């Protein structure tokens, strides 16, 4: 849980999540999930520490990546269907 992580960090000073970003599945209020980047930073105000978390929805980026991969696969299939395999392989290397 988040509170125990922060407590351990405050006691040990060992950062596991603070200052990093992770790609995780998040859950909306309606129960649906979405891919996101999760991050946490620490702000030291001298006499107190504050922690700031952020969530960035990357659904659109994931959709675009999936589309690009699908287009690449379709292009590869076409390449291998119209050319001899050794020529198609050489074109793929370049």
N, C-alpha and C. Protein backbone atom coordinates (compact mmCIF):
# COMPACT_ATOMS: atom_id res chain seq x y z
N UNK A 1 0.84 -1.18 0.00
CA UNK A 1 0.00 0.00 0.00
C UNK A 1 0.87 1.23 0.00
N UNK A 2 0.33 2.34 -0.45
CA UNK A 2 1.11 3.56 -0.65
C UNK A 2 1.67 4.12 0.66
N UNK A 3 0.87 4.11 1.71
CA UNK A 3 1.33 4.67 2.98
C UNK A 3 2.54 3.91 3.53
N UNK A 4 2.50 2.58 3.43
CA UNK A 4 3.63 1.81 3.95
C UNK A 4 4.89 2.04 3.11
N UNK A 5 4.72 2.22 1.78
CA UNK A 5 5.88 2.52 0.94
C UNK A 5 6.51 3.84 1.37
N UNK A 6 5.70 4.87 1.56
CA UNK A 6 6.24 6.18 1.96
C UNK A 6 6.87 6.11 3.34
N UNK A 7 6.27 5.36 4.24
CA UNK A 7 6.84 5.21 5.59
C UNK A 7 8.21 4.54 5.52
N UNK A 8 8.32 3.47 4.72
CA UNK A 8 9.62 2.78 4.56
C UNK A 8 10.65 3.71 3.94
N UNK A 9 10.21 4.48 2.95
CA UNK A 9 11.14 5.41 2.31
C UNK A 9 11.62 6.46 3.31
N UNK A 10 10.72 7.00 4.09
CA UNK A 10 11.09 8.04 5.07
C UNK A 10 12.07 7.48 6.10
N UNK A 11 11.91 6.21 6.45
CA UNK A 11 12.80 5.59 7.43
C UNK A 11 14.15 5.22 6.83
N UNK A 12 14.16 4.69 5.61
CA UNK A 12 15.39 4.16 5.03
C UNK A 12 16.08 5.10 4.04
N UNK A 13 15.30 5.95 3.38
CA UNK A 13 15.86 6.82 2.34
C UNK A 13 16.05 6.12 1.01
N UNK A 14 15.63 4.85 0.92
CA UNK A 14 15.78 4.07 -0.31
C UNK A 14 14.59 4.35 -1.22
N UNK A 15 14.89 4.89 -2.42
CA UNK A 15 13.85 5.24 -3.38
C UNK A 15 13.64 4.06 -4.33
N UNK A 16 12.42 3.59 -4.40
CA UNK A 16 12.09 2.55 -5.36
C UNK A 16 11.20 3.09 -6.47
N UNK A 17 10.32 3.99 -6.13
CA UNK A 17 9.39 4.55 -7.11
C UNK A 17 9.60 6.04 -7.31
N UNK A 18 10.04 6.72 -6.28
CA UNK A 18 10.18 8.18 -6.35
C UNK A 18 11.25 8.54 -7.37
N UNK A 19 10.88 9.46 -8.28
CA UNK A 19 11.80 9.89 -9.32
C UNK A 19 11.81 9.00 -10.54
N UNK A 20 10.91 8.02 -10.58
CA UNK A 20 10.85 7.13 -11.74
C UNK A 20 9.44 7.17 -12.32
N UNK A 21 9.32 6.56 -13.48
CA UNK A 21 8.02 6.40 -14.13
C UNK A 21 7.84 4.94 -14.47
N UNK A 22 6.60 4.48 -14.42
CA UNK A 22 6.27 3.11 -14.78
C UNK A 22 5.03 3.09 -15.64
N UNK A 23 5.00 2.14 -16.56
CA UNK A 23 3.78 1.93 -17.33
C UNK A 23 2.96 0.88 -16.60
N UNK A 24 1.73 1.24 -16.28
CA UNK A 24 0.83 0.34 -15.54
C UNK A 24 -0.58 0.44 -16.12
N UNK A 25 -1.43 -0.48 -15.72
CA UNK A 25 -2.86 -0.41 -16.04
C UNK A 25 -3.54 0.30 -14.87
N UNK A 26 -4.31 1.32 -15.17
CA UNK A 26 -5.05 2.06 -14.14
C UNK A 26 -6.54 1.73 -14.30
N UNK A 27 -7.28 1.98 -13.24
CA UNK A 27 -8.71 1.70 -13.25
C UNK A 27 -9.49 3.00 -13.08
N UNK A 28 -10.44 3.22 -13.99
CA UNK A 28 -11.32 4.38 -13.90
C UNK A 28 -12.39 4.13 -12.85
N UNK A 29 -13.10 5.19 -12.48
CA UNK A 29 -14.19 5.09 -11.51
C UNK A 29 -15.24 4.08 -11.98
N UNK A 30 -15.46 4.01 -13.30
CA UNK A 30 -16.48 3.09 -13.83
C UNK A 30 -16.00 1.64 -13.89
N UNK A 31 -14.75 1.41 -13.49
CA UNK A 31 -14.21 0.04 -13.46
C UNK A 31 -13.40 -0.34 -14.68
N UNK A 32 -13.47 0.43 -15.76
CA UNK A 32 -12.69 0.12 -16.96
C UNK A 32 -11.22 0.45 -16.70
N UNK A 33 -10.35 -0.21 -17.45
CA UNK A 33 -8.92 0.01 -17.27
C UNK A 33 -8.33 0.70 -18.49
N UNK A 34 -7.18 1.31 -18.29
CA UNK A 34 -6.48 1.99 -19.38
C UNK A 34 -4.98 2.00 -19.08
N UNK A 35 -4.15 2.00 -20.13
CA UNK A 35 -2.71 2.06 -19.93
C UNK A 35 -2.29 3.48 -19.54
N UNK A 36 -1.35 3.58 -18.63
CA UNK A 36 -0.90 4.91 -18.23
C UNK A 36 0.55 4.86 -17.78
N UNK A 37 1.13 6.04 -17.68
CA UNK A 37 2.44 6.23 -17.07
C UNK A 37 2.17 6.77 -15.68
N UNK A 38 2.75 6.12 -14.69
CA UNK A 38 2.58 6.50 -13.29
C UNK A 38 3.93 6.98 -12.77
N UNK A 39 3.93 8.13 -12.12
CA UNK A 39 5.18 8.66 -11.58
C UNK A 39 4.96 9.32 -10.25
N UNK A 40 6.06 9.50 -9.53
CA UNK A 40 6.00 10.16 -8.23
C UNK A 40 7.29 10.95 -8.03
N UNK A 41 7.14 12.14 -7.48
CA UNK A 41 8.29 12.99 -7.17
C UNK A 41 8.18 13.47 -5.73
N UNK A 42 9.31 13.87 -5.22
CA UNK A 42 9.36 14.39 -3.85
C UNK A 42 9.75 15.86 -3.89
N UNK A 43 9.09 16.66 -3.06
CA UNK A 43 9.40 18.07 -2.94
C UNK A 43 9.80 18.32 -1.49
N UNK A 44 11.02 18.78 -1.30
CA UNK A 44 11.52 19.06 0.05
C UNK A 44 11.45 20.56 0.28
N UNK A 45 10.58 20.97 1.22
CA UNK A 45 10.40 22.39 1.54
C UNK A 45 11.26 22.84 2.72
N UNK A 46 12.29 22.09 3.02
CA UNK A 46 13.14 22.44 4.14
C UNK A 46 12.65 21.81 5.43
N UNK A 47 11.49 22.21 5.91
CA UNK A 47 10.96 21.67 7.16
C UNK A 47 9.92 20.57 6.93
N UNK A 48 9.54 20.34 5.68
CA UNK A 48 8.57 19.27 5.41
C UNK A 48 8.82 18.71 4.01
N UNK A 49 8.32 17.51 3.81
CA UNK A 49 8.40 16.86 2.51
C UNK A 49 6.98 16.66 1.98
N UNK A 50 6.86 16.84 0.69
CA UNK A 50 5.59 16.57 0.03
C UNK A 50 5.86 15.63 -1.13
N UNK A 51 4.88 14.84 -1.45
CA UNK A 51 5.00 13.90 -2.55
C UNK A 51 3.93 14.21 -3.58
N UNK A 52 4.35 14.22 -4.84
CA UNK A 52 3.46 14.53 -5.93
C UNK A 52 3.42 13.33 -6.86
N UNK A 53 2.21 12.86 -7.14
CA UNK A 53 2.04 11.75 -8.07
C UNK A 53 1.36 12.22 -9.33
N UNK A 54 1.62 11.54 -10.43
CA UNK A 54 0.92 11.88 -11.66
C UNK A 54 0.58 10.61 -12.43
N UNK A 55 -0.50 10.71 -13.19
CA UNK A 55 -0.97 9.63 -14.05
C UNK A 55 -1.18 10.23 -15.44
N UNK A 56 -0.55 9.64 -16.45
CA UNK A 56 -0.72 10.12 -17.82
C UNK A 56 -1.34 8.99 -18.64
N UNK A 57 -2.53 9.23 -19.16
CA UNK A 57 -3.23 8.26 -19.99
C UNK A 57 -2.50 8.13 -21.33
N UNK A 58 -2.07 6.91 -21.66
CA UNK A 58 -1.36 6.69 -22.92
C UNK A 58 -2.17 5.80 -23.88
N UNK A 59 -3.48 5.82 -23.72
CA UNK A 59 -4.35 5.02 -24.58
C UNK A 59 -4.12 5.35 -26.05
N UNK A 60 -4.10 6.64 -26.39
CA UNK A 60 -3.92 7.03 -27.80
C UNK A 60 -2.57 6.58 -28.35
N UNK A 61 -1.51 6.74 -27.56
CA UNK A 61 -0.19 6.31 -28.01
C UNK A 61 -0.15 4.80 -28.26
N UNK A 62 -0.80 4.04 -27.38
CA UNK A 62 -0.84 2.59 -27.52
C UNK A 62 -1.62 2.19 -28.78
N UNK A 63 -2.73 2.89 -29.04
CA UNK A 63 -3.52 2.61 -30.25
C UNK A 63 -2.69 2.88 -31.50
N UNK A 64 -1.97 4.01 -31.50
CA UNK A 64 -1.15 4.37 -32.66
C UNK A 64 -0.02 3.36 -32.86
N UNK A 65 0.59 2.91 -31.78
CA UNK A 65 1.65 1.91 -31.86
C UNK A 65 1.10 0.61 -32.42
N UNK A 66 -0.08 0.19 -31.93
CA UNK A 66 -0.70 -1.04 -32.42
C UNK A 66 -1.02 -0.93 -33.90
N UNK A 67 -1.55 0.23 -34.32
CA UNK A 67 -1.86 0.45 -35.73
C UNK A 67 -0.59 0.39 -36.59
N UNK A 68 0.48 1.03 -36.13
CA UNK A 68 1.75 1.01 -36.87
C UNK A 68 2.29 -0.42 -36.99
N UNK A 69 2.17 -1.20 -35.92
CA UNK A 69 2.64 -2.59 -35.96
C UNK A 69 1.79 -3.41 -36.93
N UNK A 70 0.48 -3.18 -36.93
CA UNK A 70 -0.41 -3.89 -37.85
C UNK A 70 -0.09 -3.54 -39.29
N UNK A 71 0.17 -2.26 -39.55
CA UNK A 71 0.52 -1.83 -40.90
C UNK A 71 1.85 -2.42 -41.34
N UNK A 72 2.80 -2.50 -40.42
CA UNK A 72 4.10 -3.10 -40.74
C UNK A 72 3.93 -4.58 -41.07
N UNK A 73 3.11 -5.27 -40.27
CA UNK A 73 2.87 -6.70 -40.52
C UNK A 73 2.19 -6.91 -41.88
N UNK A 74 1.22 -6.05 -42.22
CA UNK A 74 0.55 -6.15 -43.51
C UNK A 74 1.52 -5.87 -44.65
N UNK A 75 2.39 -4.89 -44.45
CA UNK A 75 3.39 -4.57 -45.46
C UNK A 75 4.36 -5.73 -45.65
N UNK A 76 4.78 -6.34 -44.56
CA UNK A 76 5.69 -7.50 -44.63
C UNK A 76 5.01 -8.65 -45.37
N UNK A 77 3.74 -8.90 -45.07
CA UNK A 77 3.01 -9.99 -45.72
C UNK A 77 2.95 -9.75 -47.23
N UNK A 78 2.65 -8.51 -47.61
CA UNK A 78 2.59 -8.17 -49.03
C UNK A 78 3.96 -8.35 -49.69
N UNK A 79 5.00 -7.89 -49.03
CA UNK A 79 6.36 -8.01 -49.54
C UNK A 79 6.71 -9.47 -49.80
N UNK A 80 6.41 -10.34 -48.86
CA UNK A 80 6.75 -11.76 -48.99
C UNK A 80 5.83 -12.48 -49.99
N UNK A 81 4.64 -11.91 -50.25
CA UNK A 81 3.74 -12.53 -51.22
C UNK A 81 4.09 -12.19 -52.66
N UNK A 82 4.73 -11.04 -52.88
CA UNK A 82 5.00 -10.64 -54.27
C UNK A 82 6.45 -10.83 -54.69
N UNK A 83 7.35 -11.04 -53.74
CA UNK A 83 8.76 -11.20 -54.07
C UNK A 83 9.29 -12.54 -53.59
N UNK A 84 10.33 -13.04 -54.25
CA UNK A 84 10.97 -14.25 -53.72
C UNK A 84 11.50 -13.97 -52.30
N UNK A 85 11.49 -14.99 -51.47
CA UNK A 85 11.84 -14.82 -50.06
C UNK A 85 13.22 -14.21 -49.86
N UNK A 86 14.22 -14.65 -50.64
CA UNK A 86 15.58 -14.13 -50.43
C UNK A 86 15.66 -12.63 -50.76
N UNK A 87 14.88 -12.18 -51.73
CA UNK A 87 14.88 -10.74 -52.05
C UNK A 87 14.12 -9.96 -50.96
N UNK A 88 12.98 -10.49 -50.54
CA UNK A 88 12.21 -9.84 -49.48
C UNK A 88 13.05 -9.72 -48.20
N UNK A 89 13.77 -10.79 -47.88
CA UNK A 89 14.64 -10.75 -46.68
C UNK A 89 15.71 -9.69 -46.81
N UNK A 90 16.27 -9.56 -47.98
CA UNK A 90 17.33 -8.55 -48.19
C UNK A 90 16.75 -7.15 -48.06
N UNK A 91 15.57 -6.92 -48.59
CA UNK A 91 14.94 -5.61 -48.46
C UNK A 91 14.62 -5.31 -47.01
N UNK A 92 14.22 -6.31 -46.26
CA UNK A 92 13.92 -6.12 -44.83
C UNK A 92 15.18 -5.75 -44.05
N UNK A 93 16.32 -6.27 -44.45
CA UNK A 93 17.59 -5.97 -43.76
C UNK A 93 18.01 -4.52 -43.97
N UNK A 94 17.72 -3.99 -45.14
CA UNK A 94 18.11 -2.61 -45.46
C UNK A 94 17.13 -1.71 -44.84
